Amino acid sequence: NAEAFNVTSLDSQSEGATLHIEVTGDPTVTSQFQDQSNVNLDEGASQWVLIGASVLGIALILGGIWVLRRSRELPQEDQAQFEENELV
């Protein structure tokens, strides 16, 4: 698999000078995975993503329930003070 490159060198350029480069040709992709057009996660990886998302969802629900119960357990005095602070 031979590849050809043109090498060009320039003398030093002044700061702020514009350099225009044009690349032409037909790009080709060569890779050991060239025959595989689609990248698929194996079933194990997608299963772990599903498990992780489920655990996160359950944790968020339990956290919401904990915050709700905690706010309902505030003594009436603290609740009134909380509402006053909320109005200010």
N, C-alpha and C. Protein backbone atom coordinates (compact mmCIF):
# COMPACT_ATOMS: atom_id res chain seq x y z
N ASN A 1 0.85 -1.18 0.00
CA ASN A 1 0.00 0.00 0.00
C ASN A 1 0.90 1.24 0.00
N ALA A 2 1.16 1.76 -1.17
CA ALA A 2 2.05 2.91 -1.31
C ALA A 2 1.24 4.20 -1.31
N GLU A 3 1.75 5.18 -0.60
CA GLU A 3 1.11 6.49 -0.56
C GLU A 3 2.13 7.52 -0.99
N ALA A 4 1.67 8.52 -1.73
CA ALA A 4 2.57 9.57 -2.21
C ALA A 4 2.23 10.87 -1.52
N PHE A 5 3.27 11.60 -1.14
CA PHE A 5 3.10 12.89 -0.50
C PHE A 5 3.99 13.91 -1.20
N ASN A 6 3.49 15.10 -1.37
CA ASN A 6 4.30 16.20 -1.86
C ASN A 6 4.75 17.01 -0.66
N VAL A 7 6.02 17.27 -0.57
CA VAL A 7 6.56 18.04 0.54
C VAL A 7 6.99 19.39 0.00
N THR A 8 6.51 20.44 0.64
CA THR A 8 6.85 21.80 0.22
C THR A 8 7.36 22.54 1.43
N SER A 9 8.38 23.36 1.24
CA SER A 9 8.88 24.16 2.36
C SER A 9 8.83 25.64 1.97
N LEU A 10 8.70 26.48 2.95
CA LEU A 10 8.64 27.92 2.74
C LEU A 10 9.74 28.60 3.53
N ASP A 11 10.14 29.74 3.06
CA ASP A 11 11.03 30.56 3.86
C ASP A 11 10.21 31.12 5.01
N SER A 12 10.87 31.69 5.99
CA SER A 12 10.15 32.21 7.14
C SER A 12 9.17 33.31 6.70
N GLN A 13 8.02 33.31 7.29
CA GLN A 13 6.97 34.27 6.97
C GLN A 13 6.85 35.27 8.10
N SER A 14 6.39 36.46 7.77
CA SER A 14 6.20 37.47 8.82
C SER A 14 4.95 37.14 9.62
N GLU A 15 4.94 37.61 10.84
CA GLU A 15 3.80 37.36 11.72
C GLU A 15 2.55 38.00 11.13
N GLY A 16 1.47 37.26 11.12
CA GLY A 16 0.20 37.76 10.61
C GLY A 16 0.02 37.52 9.12
N ALA A 17 1.03 36.96 8.45
CA ALA A 17 0.92 36.68 7.02
C ALA A 17 -0.09 35.55 6.81
N THR A 18 -0.80 35.61 5.70
CA THR A 18 -1.80 34.60 5.39
C THR A 18 -1.18 33.49 4.55
N LEU A 19 -1.48 32.27 4.90
CA LEU A 19 -1.00 31.11 4.16
C LEU A 19 -2.22 30.38 3.62
N HIS A 20 -2.28 30.24 2.30
CA HIS A 20 -3.42 29.57 1.66
C HIS A 20 -2.96 28.19 1.18
N ILE A 21 -3.65 27.14 1.63
CA ILE A 21 -3.32 25.78 1.23
C ILE A 21 -4.56 25.15 0.62
N GLU A 22 -4.39 24.51 -0.51
CA GLU A 22 -5.50 23.82 -1.17
C GLU A 22 -5.16 22.34 -1.26
N VAL A 23 -6.06 21.50 -0.79
CA VAL A 23 -5.85 20.06 -0.81
C VAL A 23 -6.83 19.48 -1.82
N THR A 24 -6.32 18.70 -2.76
CA THR A 24 -7.18 18.09 -3.76
C THR A 24 -6.95 16.58 -3.75
N GLY A 25 -7.87 15.88 -4.35
CA GLY A 25 -7.72 14.43 -4.45
C GLY A 25 -8.99 13.74 -4.00
N ASP A 26 -8.95 12.44 -4.06
CA ASP A 26 -10.09 11.62 -3.68
C ASP A 26 -9.69 10.83 -2.43
N PRO A 27 -10.23 11.21 -1.26
CA PRO A 27 -9.81 10.52 -0.04
C PRO A 27 -10.33 9.08 -0.02
N THR A 28 -9.50 8.20 0.46
CA THR A 28 -9.91 6.81 0.63
C THR A 28 -9.67 6.42 2.07
N VAL A 29 -10.50 5.53 2.57
CA VAL A 29 -10.38 5.06 3.93
C VAL A 29 -9.83 3.66 3.90
N THR A 30 -8.71 3.48 4.56
CA THR A 30 -8.16 2.14 4.69
C THR A 30 -8.02 1.83 6.16
N SER A 31 -8.58 0.74 6.56
CA SER A 31 -8.58 0.37 7.96
C SER A 31 -8.77 -1.13 8.08
N GLN A 32 -8.35 -1.67 9.17
CA GLN A 32 -8.58 -3.08 9.41
C GLN A 32 -10.06 -3.38 9.62
N PHE A 33 -10.85 -2.31 9.93
CA PHE A 33 -12.28 -2.48 10.17
C PHE A 33 -13.10 -2.01 8.97
N GLN A 34 -12.50 -1.93 7.79
CA GLN A 34 -13.16 -1.38 6.62
C GLN A 34 -14.41 -2.17 6.25
N ASP A 35 -14.42 -3.45 6.48
CA ASP A 35 -15.58 -4.27 6.12
C ASP A 35 -16.77 -4.04 7.04
N GLN A 36 -16.54 -3.50 8.22
CA GLN A 36 -17.63 -3.27 9.17
C GLN A 36 -18.12 -1.84 9.01
N SER A 37 -19.25 -1.66 8.34
CA SER A 37 -19.76 -0.31 8.08
C SER A 37 -20.45 0.28 9.30
N ASN A 38 -20.99 -0.54 10.16
CA ASN A 38 -21.68 -0.04 11.35
C ASN A 38 -20.92 -0.46 12.60
N VAL A 39 -20.82 0.47 13.53
CA VAL A 39 -20.19 0.16 14.81
C VAL A 39 -21.31 -0.20 15.77
N ASN A 40 -21.35 -1.42 16.21
CA ASN A 40 -22.40 -1.88 17.12
C ASN A 40 -21.80 -2.17 18.48
N LEU A 41 -22.49 -1.71 19.50
CA LEU A 41 -22.09 -2.09 20.85
C LEU A 41 -22.50 -3.53 21.05
N ASP A 42 -21.68 -4.27 21.73
CA ASP A 42 -22.09 -5.63 22.02
C ASP A 42 -23.27 -5.59 23.00
N GLU A 43 -23.99 -6.66 23.07
CA GLU A 43 -25.20 -6.67 23.90
C GLU A 43 -24.89 -6.43 25.36
N GLY A 44 -23.73 -6.85 25.82
CA GLY A 44 -23.34 -6.64 27.21
C GLY A 44 -23.20 -5.16 27.54
N ALA A 45 -22.61 -4.38 26.63
CA ALA A 45 -22.42 -2.94 26.88
C ALA A 45 -23.76 -2.22 26.91
N SER A 46 -24.64 -2.51 25.97
CA SER A 46 -25.93 -1.84 25.96
C SER A 46 -26.78 -2.25 27.16
N GLN A 47 -26.58 -3.47 27.62
CA GLN A 47 -27.30 -3.92 28.81
C GLN A 47 -26.83 -3.14 30.03
N TRP A 48 -25.52 -2.87 30.14
CA TRP A 48 -25.00 -2.10 31.27
C TRP A 48 -25.48 -0.66 31.23
N VAL A 49 -25.63 -0.10 30.04
CA VAL A 49 -26.17 1.26 29.93
C VAL A 49 -27.61 1.28 30.43
N LEU A 50 -28.39 0.30 30.06
CA LEU A 50 -29.77 0.20 30.50
C LEU A 50 -29.86 0.02 32.01
N ILE A 51 -29.01 -0.81 32.57
CA ILE A 51 -28.99 -1.03 34.02
C ILE A 51 -28.60 0.27 34.73
N GLY A 52 -27.58 0.96 34.24
CA GLY A 52 -27.15 2.21 34.85
C GLY A 52 -28.23 3.27 34.81
N ALA A 53 -28.93 3.40 33.68
CA ALA A 53 -30.02 4.37 33.57
C ALA A 53 -31.16 4.02 34.53
N SER A 54 -31.46 2.74 34.69
CA SER A 54 -32.51 2.31 35.60
C SER A 54 -32.14 2.63 37.05
N VAL A 55 -30.90 2.35 37.42
CA VAL A 55 -30.45 2.63 38.79
C VAL A 55 -30.51 4.13 39.06
N LEU A 56 -30.08 4.95 38.09
CA LEU A 56 -30.15 6.40 38.25
C LEU A 56 -31.59 6.87 38.40
N GLY A 57 -32.49 6.34 37.61
CA GLY A 57 -33.91 6.70 37.72
C GLY A 57 -34.50 6.34 39.07
N ILE A 58 -34.19 5.15 39.55
CA ILE A 58 -34.69 4.72 40.87
C ILE A 58 -34.11 5.61 41.97
N ALA A 59 -32.82 5.96 41.86
CA ALA A 59 -32.20 6.82 42.87
C ALA A 59 -32.86 8.21 42.88
N LEU A 60 -33.18 8.74 41.72
CA LEU A 60 -33.85 10.04 41.65
C LEU A 60 -35.25 9.99 42.26
N ILE A 61 -35.97 8.93 41.99
CA ILE A 61 -37.31 8.77 42.57
C ILE A 61 -37.23 8.66 44.08
N LEU A 62 -36.33 7.82 44.59
CA LEU A 62 -36.18 7.67 46.04
C LEU A 62 -35.73 8.99 46.68
N GLY A 63 -34.85 9.71 46.03
CA GLY A 63 -34.42 11.01 46.55
C GLY A 63 -35.57 11.99 46.61
N GLY A 64 -36.42 11.99 45.61
CA GLY A 64 -37.60 12.87 45.61
C GLY A 64 -38.56 12.52 46.72
N ILE A 65 -38.78 11.23 46.95
CA ILE A 65 -39.66 10.79 48.05
C ILE A 65 -39.06 11.21 49.38
N TRP A 66 -37.75 11.07 49.55
CA TRP A 66 -37.09 11.44 50.81
C TRP A 66 -37.24 12.94 51.06
N VAL A 67 -37.03 13.76 50.05
CA VAL A 67 -37.17 15.22 50.22
C VAL A 67 -38.62 15.57 50.53
N LEU A 68 -39.58 14.95 49.88
CA LEU A 68 -41.00 15.21 50.13
C LEU A 68 -41.38 14.84 51.55
N ARG A 69 -40.97 13.68 52.01
CA ARG A 69 -41.29 13.26 53.39
C ARG A 69 -40.63 14.16 54.41
N ARG A 70 -39.40 14.57 54.13
CA ARG A 70 -38.68 15.43 55.05
C ARG A 70 -39.36 16.79 55.17
N SER A 71 -39.85 17.31 54.05
CA SER A 71 -40.51 18.62 54.10
C SER A 71 -41.86 18.53 54.82
N ARG A 72 -42.52 17.38 54.75
CA ARG A 72 -43.79 17.21 55.46
C ARG A 72 -43.58 17.02 56.95
N GLU A 73 -42.40 16.57 57.36
CA GLU A 73 -42.12 16.33 58.77
C GLU A 73 -41.63 17.57 59.50
N LEU A 74 -41.50 18.70 58.82
CA LEU A 74 -41.08 19.93 59.49
C LEU A 74 -42.12 20.31 60.53
N PRO A 75 -41.70 20.70 61.71
CA PRO A 75 -42.66 21.17 62.71
C PRO A 75 -43.39 22.41 62.18
N GLN A 76 -44.58 22.66 62.70
CA GLN A 76 -45.40 23.76 62.23
C GLN A 76 -44.66 25.10 62.35
N GLU A 77 -43.90 25.28 63.42
CA GLU A 77 -43.15 26.51 63.62
C GLU A 77 -42.14 26.73 62.50
N ASP A 78 -41.38 25.68 62.21
CA ASP A 78 -40.39 25.77 61.15
C ASP A 78 -41.06 25.97 59.80
N GLN A 79 -42.21 25.34 59.61
CA GLN A 79 -42.93 25.47 58.35
C GLN A 79 -43.39 26.90 58.15
N ALA A 80 -43.92 27.54 59.21
CA ALA A 80 -44.36 28.93 59.11
C ALA A 80 -43.18 29.85 58.81
N GLN A 81 -42.06 29.60 59.48
CA GLN A 81 -40.87 30.41 59.24
C GLN A 81 -40.37 30.20 57.81
N PHE A 82 -40.43 28.99 57.33
CA PHE A 82 -40.00 28.69 55.96
C PHE A 82 -40.89 29.44 54.96
N GLU A 83 -42.20 29.45 55.20
CA GLU A 83 -43.11 30.14 54.31
C GLU A 83 -42.90 31.64 54.34
N GLU A 84 -42.59 32.21 55.52
CA GLU A 84 -42.32 33.64 55.62
C GLU A 84 -41.06 34.00 54.81
N ASN A 85 -40.03 33.18 54.95
CA ASN A 85 -38.80 33.43 54.20
C ASN A 85 -39.00 33.29 52.71
N GLU A 86 -39.91 32.43 52.33
CA GLU A 86 -40.19 32.21 50.93
C GLU A 86 -40.90 33.42 50.32
N LEU A 87 -41.74 34.08 51.12
CA LEU A 87 -42.47 35.24 50.61
C LEU A 87 -41.59 36.47 50.48
N VAL A 88 -40.52 36.54 51.25
CA VAL A 88 -39.65 37.72 51.23
C VAL A 88 -38.82 37.81 50.02
